[in-house]
Amino acid sequence: MKLGILKTDAVRPEWVQQFGEYPDMFITLLSRVDPELEFIVYDVQHGQYPADIDEVDAYLMTGSKSSVYEDEPWIARLMEFVRELHARRKKLVGICFGHQLVAHALGGRTEKSPKGWGVGLHTHTFNTQPHWHDGEHEDLDILVSHQDQVVQVADGANVLAGSEFCENAVTQLGDHILTFQGHPEFIPEYASAIMNVRREVIGENAYDTGMGSLSGNHQGERVARWIHAFISA
């Protein structure tokens, strides 16, 4: 199976040697679930797209420090591509910025949340268990880093999980689009690095709570198994 990774941001240069770029994080994570997976990276932030939409079996859109409502040509082009994927019923997984862009492109809305920043380990509780779910406990503990939130999901999408802080944390549209607000690809060390560099904008309360949560059980590999089950179905 070939997975196309839609790269929407770059890791800070001084961190790349330790953590890799965002596609590297996903490749490392998903390869632990299925070593046979093949990957093609498309740097959509710089206009790189597949020549043929079917040259891969499914797509995954990464997170980004950009906001989906910014008036940027590359974001508008990416929304067009998401609409094309939707029209073709092509499998797509959106993560954080990808989660928000899917909603924004398909009739929903993303805004900066008045609740402020969500950082560190958050718990998102499932209200239903779709076919790709492992059937285990309802709570998902996952690293997050976002101020924007989906306030209106894509037309026809179902909300599968959320929290008091983020009501629309996991959504699914048909059998072909699945989105997560959380970051399965993050590791606690990377989450810590981001919080430290953004400490002033995050605010001390959120920073302290986020840093204090990092000793918890981040279930990134659990989400990777779900993503694999979803794109394989």
C-alpha atoms as a PDB file:
ATOM      1  CA  MET A   1       0.000   0.000   0.000  1.00  0.00           C
ATOM      2  CA  LYS A   2       1.228   3.499  -0.865  1.00  0.00           C
ATOM      3  CA  LEU A   3       0.420   6.461   1.362  1.00  0.00           C
ATOM      4  CA  GLY A   4       0.851  10.009   0.105  1.00  0.00           C
ATOM      5  CA  ILE A   5       1.843  12.443   2.858  1.00  0.00           C
ATOM      6  CA  LEU A   6       0.713  16.022   2.228  1.00  0.00           C
ATOM      7  CA  LYS A   7       3.404  18.097   3.978  1.00  0.00           C
ATOM      8  CA  THR A   8       2.009  21.425   5.166  1.00  0.00           C
ATOM      9  CA  ASP A   9       4.840  22.759   7.323  1.00  0.00           C
ATOM     10  CA  ALA A  10       8.517  22.410   8.171  1.00  0.00           C
ATOM     11  CA  VAL A  11      10.085  21.549  11.507  1.00  0.00           C
ATOM     12  CA  ARG A  12      12.372  24.224  12.950  1.00  0.00           C
ATOM     13  CA  PRO A  13      15.807  23.650  11.340  1.00  0.00           C
ATOM     14  CA  GLU A  14      17.579  23.231  14.676  1.00  0.00           C
ATOM     15  CA  TRP A  15      15.231  20.350  15.573  1.00  0.00           C
ATOM     16  CA  VAL A  16      15.346  18.355  12.342  1.00  0.00           C
ATOM     17  CA  GLN A  17      18.367  16.241  13.242  1.00  0.00           C
ATOM     18  CA  GLN A  18      16.718  15.062  16.465  1.00  0.00           C
ATOM     19  CA  PHE A  19      13.081  14.738  15.389  1.00  0.00           C
ATOM     20  CA  GLY A  20      13.025  14.733  11.590  1.00  0.00           C
ATOM     21  CA  GLU A  21      10.484  16.552   9.444  1.00  0.00           C
ATOM     22  CA  TYR A  22       6.759  15.925   9.967  1.00  0.00           C
ATOM     23  CA  PRO A  23       6.530  13.254   7.252  1.00  0.00           C
ATOM     24  CA  ASP A  24       9.478  11.480   8.909  1.00  0.00           C
ATOM     25  CA  MET A  25       7.531  11.344  12.172  1.00  0.00           C
ATOM     26  CA  PHE A  26       4.550   9.716  10.439  1.00  0.00           C
ATOM     27  CA  ILE A  27       6.735   7.301   8.489  1.00  0.00           C
ATOM     28  CA  THR A  28       8.433   6.189  11.712  1.00  0.00           C
ATOM     29  CA  LEU A  29       5.107   5.766  13.489  1.00  0.00           C
ATOM     30  CA  LEU A  30       3.169   4.012  10.735  1.00  0.00           C
ATOM     31  CA  SER A  31       6.071   1.755   9.763  1.00  0.00           C
ATOM     32  CA  ARG A  32       5.929   0.269  13.253  1.00  0.00           C
ATOM     33  CA  VAL A  33       2.359  -0.787  12.483  1.00  0.00           C
ATOM     34  CA  ASP A  34       3.046  -2.001   8.928  1.00  0.00           C
ATOM     35  CA  PRO A  35       6.678  -2.237   7.754  1.00  0.00           C
ATOM     36  CA  GLU A  36       5.436  -2.907   4.216  1.00  0.00           C
ATOM     37  CA  LEU A  37       3.837   0.516   3.815  1.00  0.00           C
ATOM     38  CA  GLU A  38       5.321   2.726   1.106  1.00  0.00           C
ATOM     39  CA  PHE A  39       5.333   6.513   1.330  1.00  0.00           C
ATOM     40  CA  ILE A  40       5.478   9.424  -1.091  1.00  0.00           C
ATOM     41  CA  VAL A  41       5.826  12.947   0.319  1.00  0.00           C
ATOM     42  CA  TYR A  42       4.205  15.920  -1.425  1.00  0.00           C
ATOM     43  CA  ASP A  43       5.317  19.336  -0.168  1.00  0.00           C
ATOM     44  CA  VAL A  44       1.987  21.036  -0.838  1.00  0.00           C
ATOM     45  CA  GLN A  45       3.081  24.187   0.961  1.00  0.00           C
ATOM     46  CA  HIS A  46       5.441  24.646  -1.984  1.00  0.00           C
ATOM     47  CA  GLY A  47       3.021  23.499  -4.680  1.00  0.00           C
ATOM     48  CA  GLN A  48       4.024  19.844  -5.008  1.00  0.00           C
ATOM     49  CA  TYR A  49       1.118  17.541  -5.871  1.00  0.00           C
ATOM     50  CA  PRO A  50       0.766  14.115  -7.479  1.00  0.00           C
ATOM     51  CA  ALA A  51       0.619  14.068 -11.260  1.00  0.00           C
ATOM     52  CA  ASP A  52      -2.119  11.459 -10.912  1.00  0.00           C
ATOM     53  CA  ILE A  53      -4.423  11.375  -7.883  1.00  0.00           C
ATOM     54  CA  ASP A  54      -4.330   7.562  -8.005  1.00  0.00           C
ATOM     55  CA  GLU A  55      -0.562   7.203  -7.825  1.00  0.00           C
ATOM     56  CA  VAL A  56      -1.050   6.406  -4.131  1.00  0.00           C
ATOM     57  CA  ASP A  57      -3.782   4.455  -2.344  1.00  0.00           C
ATOM     58  CA  ALA A  58      -4.531   7.041   0.360  1.00  0.00           C
ATOM     59  CA  TYR A  59      -3.410  10.426   1.638  1.00  0.00           C
ATOM     60  CA  LEU A  60      -2.478  11.875   5.023  1.00  0.00           C
ATOM     61  CA  MET A  61      -2.328  15.630   5.682  1.00  0.00           C
ATOM     62  CA  THR A  62       0.073  16.821   8.379  1.00  0.00           C
ATOM     63  CA  GLY A  63      -0.229  19.535  10.984  1.00  0.00           C
ATOM     64  CA  SER A  64       0.999  23.081  10.452  1.00  0.00           C
ATOM     65  CA  LYS A  65       1.575  26.299  12.360  1.00  0.00           C
ATOM     66  CA  SER A  66      -0.524  28.025   9.681  1.00  0.00           C
ATOM     67  CA  SER A  67      -4.255  28.595  10.116  1.00  0.00           C
ATOM     68  CA  VAL A  68      -6.641  27.215   7.521  1.00  0.00           C
ATOM     69  CA  TYR A  69      -8.517  30.525   7.279  1.00  0.00           C
ATOM     70  CA  GLU A  70      -5.398  32.472   6.254  1.00  0.00           C
ATOM     71  CA  ASP A  71      -5.578  34.040   2.798  1.00  0.00           C
ATOM     72  CA  GLU A  72      -2.686  32.062   1.336  1.00  0.00           C
ATOM     73  CA  PRO A  73      -2.679  30.683  -2.225  1.00  0.00           C
ATOM     74  CA  TRP A  74      -1.192  27.342  -1.136  1.00  0.00           C
ATOM     75  CA  ILE A  75      -3.993  26.851   1.400  1.00  0.00           C
ATOM     76  CA  ALA A  76      -6.664  27.648  -1.186  1.00  0.00           C
ATOM     77  CA  ARG A  77      -5.059  25.156  -3.594  1.00  0.00           C
ATOM     78  CA  LEU A  78      -4.957  22.506  -0.874  1.00  0.00           C
ATOM     79  CA  MET A  79      -8.660  23.009  -0.178  1.00  0.00           C
ATOM     80  CA  GLU A  80      -9.357  22.425  -3.862  1.00  0.00           C
ATOM     81  CA  PHE A  81      -7.371  19.199  -3.690  1.00  0.00           C
ATOM     82  CA  VAL A  82      -9.327  18.049  -0.622  1.00  0.00           C
ATOM     83  CA  ARG A  83     -12.579  18.705  -2.490  1.00  0.00           C
ATOM     84  CA  GLU A  84     -11.255  16.630  -5.392  1.00  0.00           C
ATOM     85  CA  LEU A  85     -10.301  13.793  -3.035  1.00  0.00           C
ATOM     86  CA  HIS A  86     -13.776  13.953  -1.506  1.00  0.00           C
ATOM     87  CA  ALA A  87     -15.476  13.912  -4.893  1.00  0.00           C
ATOM     88  CA  ARG A  88     -13.409  10.878  -5.898  1.00  0.00           C
ATOM     89  CA  ARG A  89     -14.014   9.199  -2.518  1.00  0.00           C
ATOM     90  CA  LYS A  90     -10.265   8.846  -2.094  1.00  0.00           C
ATOM     91  CA  LYS A  91      -9.067   7.869   1.383  1.00  0.00           C
ATOM     92  CA  LEU A  92      -7.778  10.867   3.361  1.00  0.00           C
ATOM     93  CA  VAL A  93      -6.611  11.253   6.955  1.00  0.00           C
ATOM     94  CA  GLY A  94      -6.241  14.765   8.365  1.00  0.00           C
ATOM     95  CA  ILE A  95      -4.140  15.594  11.434  1.00  0.00           C
ATOM     96  CA  CYS A  96      -4.525  18.877  13.407  1.00  0.00           C
ATOM     97  CA  PHE A  97      -4.237  21.482  10.593  1.00  0.00           C
ATOM     98  CA  GLY A  98      -5.360  18.690   8.247  1.00  0.00           C
ATOM     99  CA  HIS A  99      -8.366  17.986  10.485  1.00  0.00           C
ATOM    100  CA  GLN A 100      -9.270  21.670  10.446  1.00  0.00           C
ATOM    101  CA  LEU A 101      -8.704  22.152   6.719  1.00  0.00           C
ATOM    102  CA  VAL A 102     -10.984  19.244   5.820  1.00  0.00           C
ATOM    103  CA  ALA A 103     -13.787  20.864   7.808  1.00  0.00           C
ATOM    104  CA  HIS A 104     -13.104  24.305   6.349  1.00  0.00           C
ATOM    105  CA  ALA A 105     -12.943  22.985   2.764  1.00  0.00           C
ATOM    106  CA  LEU A 106     -16.109  20.897   2.965  1.00  0.00           C
ATOM    107  CA  GLY A 107     -18.712  23.232   4.428  1.00  0.00           C
ATOM    108  CA  GLY A 108     -17.534  23.514   8.039  1.00  0.00           C
ATOM    109  CA  ARG A 109     -15.634  26.202   9.900  1.00  0.00           C
ATOM    110  CA  THR A 110     -12.432  26.566  11.894  1.00  0.00           C
ATOM    111  CA  GLU A 111     -11.785  29.483  14.252  1.00  0.00           C
ATOM    112  CA  LYS A 112      -9.309  30.585  16.888  1.00  0.00           C
ATOM    113  CA  SER A 113     -10.736  29.251  20.142  1.00  0.00           C
ATOM    114  CA  PRO A 114     -11.575  31.623  23.002  1.00  0.00           C
ATOM    115  CA  LYS A 115     -10.488  28.765  25.295  1.00  0.00           C
ATOM    116  CA  GLY A 116      -6.888  29.445  24.354  1.00  0.00           C
ATOM    117  CA  TRP A 117      -4.178  26.903  23.650  1.00  0.00           C
ATOM    118  CA  GLY A 118      -4.524  23.170  24.003  1.00  0.00           C
ATOM    119  CA  VAL A 119      -1.092  21.666  24.687  1.00  0.00           C
ATOM    120  CA  GLY A 120       0.325  18.513  26.218  1.00  0.00           C
ATOM    121  CA  LEU A 121      -1.636  15.330  26.739  1.00  0.00           C
ATOM    122  CA  HIS A 122      -5.415  15.631  26.342  1.00  0.00           C
ATOM    123  CA  THR A 123      -8.136  13.010  26.638  1.00  0.00           C
ATOM    124  CA  HIS A 124     -10.700  12.678  23.840  1.00  0.00           C
ATOM    125  CA  THR A 125     -13.658  10.408  24.599  1.00  0.00           C
ATOM    126  CA  PHE A 126     -15.375   8.389  21.869  1.00  0.00           C
ATOM    127  CA  ASN A 127     -19.173   8.405  21.689  1.00  0.00           C
ATOM    128  CA  THR A 128     -19.223   5.498  19.223  1.00  0.00           C
ATOM    129  CA  GLN A 129     -16.853   2.820  17.994  1.00  0.00           C
ATOM    130  CA  PRO A 130     -16.471   2.743  14.201  1.00  0.00           C
ATOM    131  CA  HIS A 131     -15.240  -0.329  12.314  1.00  0.00           C
ATOM    132  CA  TRP A 132     -11.574   0.667  12.552  1.00  0.00           C
ATOM    133  CA  HIS A 133     -11.685   1.135  16.337  1.00  0.00           C
ATOM    134  CA  ASP A 134      -9.949  -1.505  18.469  1.00  0.00           C
ATOM    135  CA  GLY A 135     -13.009  -1.965  20.677  1.00  0.00           C
ATOM    136  CA  GLU A 136     -11.034  -1.107  23.791  1.00  0.00           C
ATOM    137  CA  HIS A 137     -11.625   1.778  26.198  1.00  0.00           C
ATOM    138  CA  GLU A 138     -13.441   4.895  25.012  1.00  0.00           C
ATOM    139  CA  ASP A 139     -10.795   7.390  26.104  1.00  0.00           C
ATOM    140  CA  LEU A 140      -7.936   8.389  23.813  1.00  0.00           C
ATOM    141  CA  ASP A 141      -4.946  10.113  25.438  1.00  0.00           C
ATOM    142  CA  ILE A 142      -3.101  12.037  22.752  1.00  0.00           C
ATOM    143  CA  LEU A 143      -0.638  14.911  22.484  1.00  0.00           C
ATOM    144  CA  VAL A 144      -2.128  18.135  21.163  1.00  0.00           C
ATOM    145  CA  SER A 145      -0.849  21.559  20.148  1.00  0.00           C
ATOM    146  CA  HIS A 146      -3.471  23.938  18.820  1.00  0.00           C
ATOM    147  CA  GLN A 147      -5.296  27.199  19.348  1.00  0.00           C
ATOM    148  CA  ASP A 148      -7.603  26.867  16.332  1.00  0.00           C
ATOM    149  CA  GLN A 149     -10.555  24.499  16.612  1.00  0.00           C
ATOM    150  CA  VAL A 150     -13.216  23.090  14.321  1.00  0.00           C
ATOM    151  CA  VAL A 151     -16.420  24.804  15.436  1.00  0.00           C
ATOM    152  CA  GLN A 152     -18.544  23.377  12.610  1.00  0.00           C
ATOM    153  CA  VAL A 153     -17.665  20.020  11.054  1.00  0.00           C
ATOM    154  CA  ALA A 154     -17.689  19.261   7.337  1.00  0.00           C
ATOM    155  CA  ASP A 155     -21.085  18.722   5.753  1.00  0.00           C
ATOM    156  CA  GLY A 156     -22.137  15.135   6.394  1.00  0.00           C
ATOM    157  CA  ALA A 157     -19.330  14.414   8.862  1.00  0.00           C
ATOM    158  CA  ASN A 158     -19.903  12.626  12.156  1.00  0.00           C
ATOM    159  CA  VAL A 159     -18.187  13.626  15.397  1.00  0.00           C
ATOM    160  CA  LEU A 160     -16.730  10.463  16.907  1.00  0.00           C
ATOM    161  CA  ALA A 161     -14.828  11.865  19.887  1.00  0.00           C
ATOM    162  CA  GLY A 162     -14.227  15.068  21.786  1.00  0.00           C
ATOM    163  CA  SER A 163     -13.646  16.682  25.141  1.00  0.00           C
ATOM    164  CA  GLU A 164     -14.856  19.651  27.126  1.00  0.00           C
ATOM    165  CA  PHE A 165     -11.961  21.655  25.703  1.00  0.00           C
ATOM    166  CA  CYS A 166     -12.321  20.401  22.111  1.00  0.00           C
ATOM    167  CA  GLU A 167     -15.765  19.117  21.228  1.00  0.00           C
ATOM    168  CA  ASN A 168     -14.961  18.100  17.640  1.00  0.00           C
ATOM    169  CA  ALA A 169     -11.705  16.196  18.131  1.00  0.00           C
ATOM    170  CA  VAL A 170     -12.230  13.173  15.854  1.00  0.00           C
ATOM    171  CA  THR A 171     -14.519  13.203  12.819  1.00  0.00           C
ATOM    172  CA  GLN A 172     -15.349  10.899   9.950  1.00  0.00           C
ATOM    173  CA  LEU A 173     -16.992  11.629   6.622  1.00  0.00           C
ATOM    174  CA  GLY A 174     -18.319   8.594   4.788  1.00  0.00           C
ATOM    175  CA  ASP A 175     -15.864   5.732   4.534  1.00  0.00           C
ATOM    176  CA  HIS A 176     -13.115   7.862   3.012  1.00  0.00           C
ATOM    177  CA  ILE A 177     -12.191  10.781   5.311  1.00  0.00           C
ATOM    178  CA  LEU A 178     -10.993  10.510   8.912  1.00  0.00           C
ATOM    179  CA  THR A 179      -9.597  13.419  10.927  1.00  0.00           C
ATOM    180  CA  PHE A 180      -7.920  13.884  14.318  1.00  0.00           C
ATOM    181  CA  GLN A 181      -7.227  17.116  16.171  1.00  0.00           C
ATOM    182  CA  GLY A 182      -4.465  15.382  18.146  1.00  0.00           C
ATOM    183  CA  HIS A 183      -0.945  14.511  17.011  1.00  0.00           C
ATOM    184  CA  PRO A 184      -0.263  10.760  17.028  1.00  0.00           C
ATOM    185  CA  GLU A 185       3.133  11.408  15.414  1.00  0.00           C
ATOM    186  CA  PHE A 186       4.402  13.585  18.279  1.00  0.00           C
ATOM    187  CA  ILE A 187       6.579  12.241  21.055  1.00  0.00           C
ATOM    188  CA  PRO A 188       6.712  13.907  24.500  1.00  0.00           C
ATOM    189  CA  GLU A 189      10.165  15.388  23.819  1.00  0.00           C
ATOM    190  CA  TYR A 190       8.897  17.170  20.713  1.00  0.00           C
ATOM    191  CA  ALA A 191       5.772  18.383  22.499  1.00  0.00           C
ATOM    192  CA  SER A 192       8.011  19.766  25.248  1.00  0.00           C
ATOM    193  CA  ALA A 193      10.245  21.552  22.737  1.00  0.00           C
ATOM    194  CA  ILE A 194       7.237  23.222  21.103  1.00  0.00           C
ATOM    195  CA  MET A 195       5.783  24.311  24.428  1.00  0.00           C
ATOM    196  CA  ASN A 196       9.090  25.793  25.504  1.00  0.00           C
ATOM    197  CA  VAL A 197       9.494  27.862  22.350  1.00  0.00           C
ATOM    198  CA  ARG A 198       5.834  29.007  22.493  1.00  0.00           C
ATOM    199  CA  ARG A 199       5.672  29.468  26.261  1.00  0.00           C
ATOM    200  CA  GLU A 200       4.910  33.193  26.137  1.00  0.00           C
ATOM    201  CA  VAL A 201       2.049  32.887  23.640  1.00  0.00           C
ATOM    202  CA  ILE A 202       0.639  29.747  25.262  1.00  0.00           C
ATOM    203  CA  GLY A 203       0.457  31.356  28.686  1.00  0.00           C
ATOM    204  CA  GLU A 204       1.821  30.090  31.989  1.00  0.00           C
ATOM    205  CA  ASN A 205      -1.266  28.170  33.112  1.00  0.00           C
ATOM    206  CA  ALA A 206      -1.558  26.157  29.895  1.00  0.00           C
ATOM    207  CA  TYR A 207       2.213  25.730  29.757  1.00  0.00           C
ATOM    208  CA  ASP A 208       2.434  24.375  33.309  1.00  0.00           C
ATOM    209  CA  THR A 209      -0.513  22.029  32.796  1.00  0.00           C
ATOM    210  CA  GLY A 210       0.797  20.841  29.435  1.00  0.00           C
ATOM    211  CA  MET A 211       4.319  20.192  30.670  1.00  0.00           C
ATOM    212  CA  GLY A 212       2.976  18.394  33.721  1.00  0.00           C
ATOM    213  CA  SER A 213       0.913  16.063  31.541  1.00  0.00           C
ATOM    214  CA  LEU A 214       3.812  14.674  29.517  1.00  0.00           C
ATOM    215  CA  SER A 215       4.455  11.772  31.871  1.00  0.00           C
ATOM    216  CA  GLY A 216       1.070  10.319  30.877  1.00  0.00           C
ATOM    217  CA  ASN A 217       0.465   7.557  28.321  1.00  0.00           C
ATOM    218  CA  HIS A 218       0.425   9.095  24.847  1.00  0.00           C
ATOM    219  CA  GLN A 219      -1.459   6.646  22.592  1.00  0.00           C
ATOM    220  CA  GLY A 220       0.056   7.638  19.273  1.00  0.00           C
ATOM    221  CA  GLU A 221       0.670   4.071  18.155  1.00  0.00           C
ATOM    222  CA  ARG A 222      -2.944   3.196  18.937  1.00  0.00           C
ATOM    223  CA  VAL A 223      -4.044   5.944  16.553  1.00  0.00           C
ATOM    224  CA  ALA A 224      -1.544   4.679  13.980  1.00  0.00           C
ATOM    225  CA  ARG A 225      -3.239   1.263  14.110  1.00  0.00           C
ATOM    226  CA  TRP A 226      -6.599   2.961  13.601  1.00  0.00           C
ATOM    227  CA  ILE A 227      -5.291   4.947  10.652  1.00  0.00           C
ATOM    228  CA  HIS A 228      -3.903   1.775   9.103  1.00  0.00           C
ATOM    229  CA  ALA A 229      -7.191  -0.062   9.599  1.00  0.00           C
ATOM    230  CA  PHE A 230      -9.118   2.859   8.086  1.00  0.00           C
ATOM    231  CA  ILE A 231      -7.018   3.260   4.945  1.00  0.00           C
ATOM    232  CA  SER A 232      -6.808  -0.519   4.450  1.00  0.00           C
ATOM    233  CA  ALA A 233     -10.566  -1.132   4.528  1.00  0.00           C
END
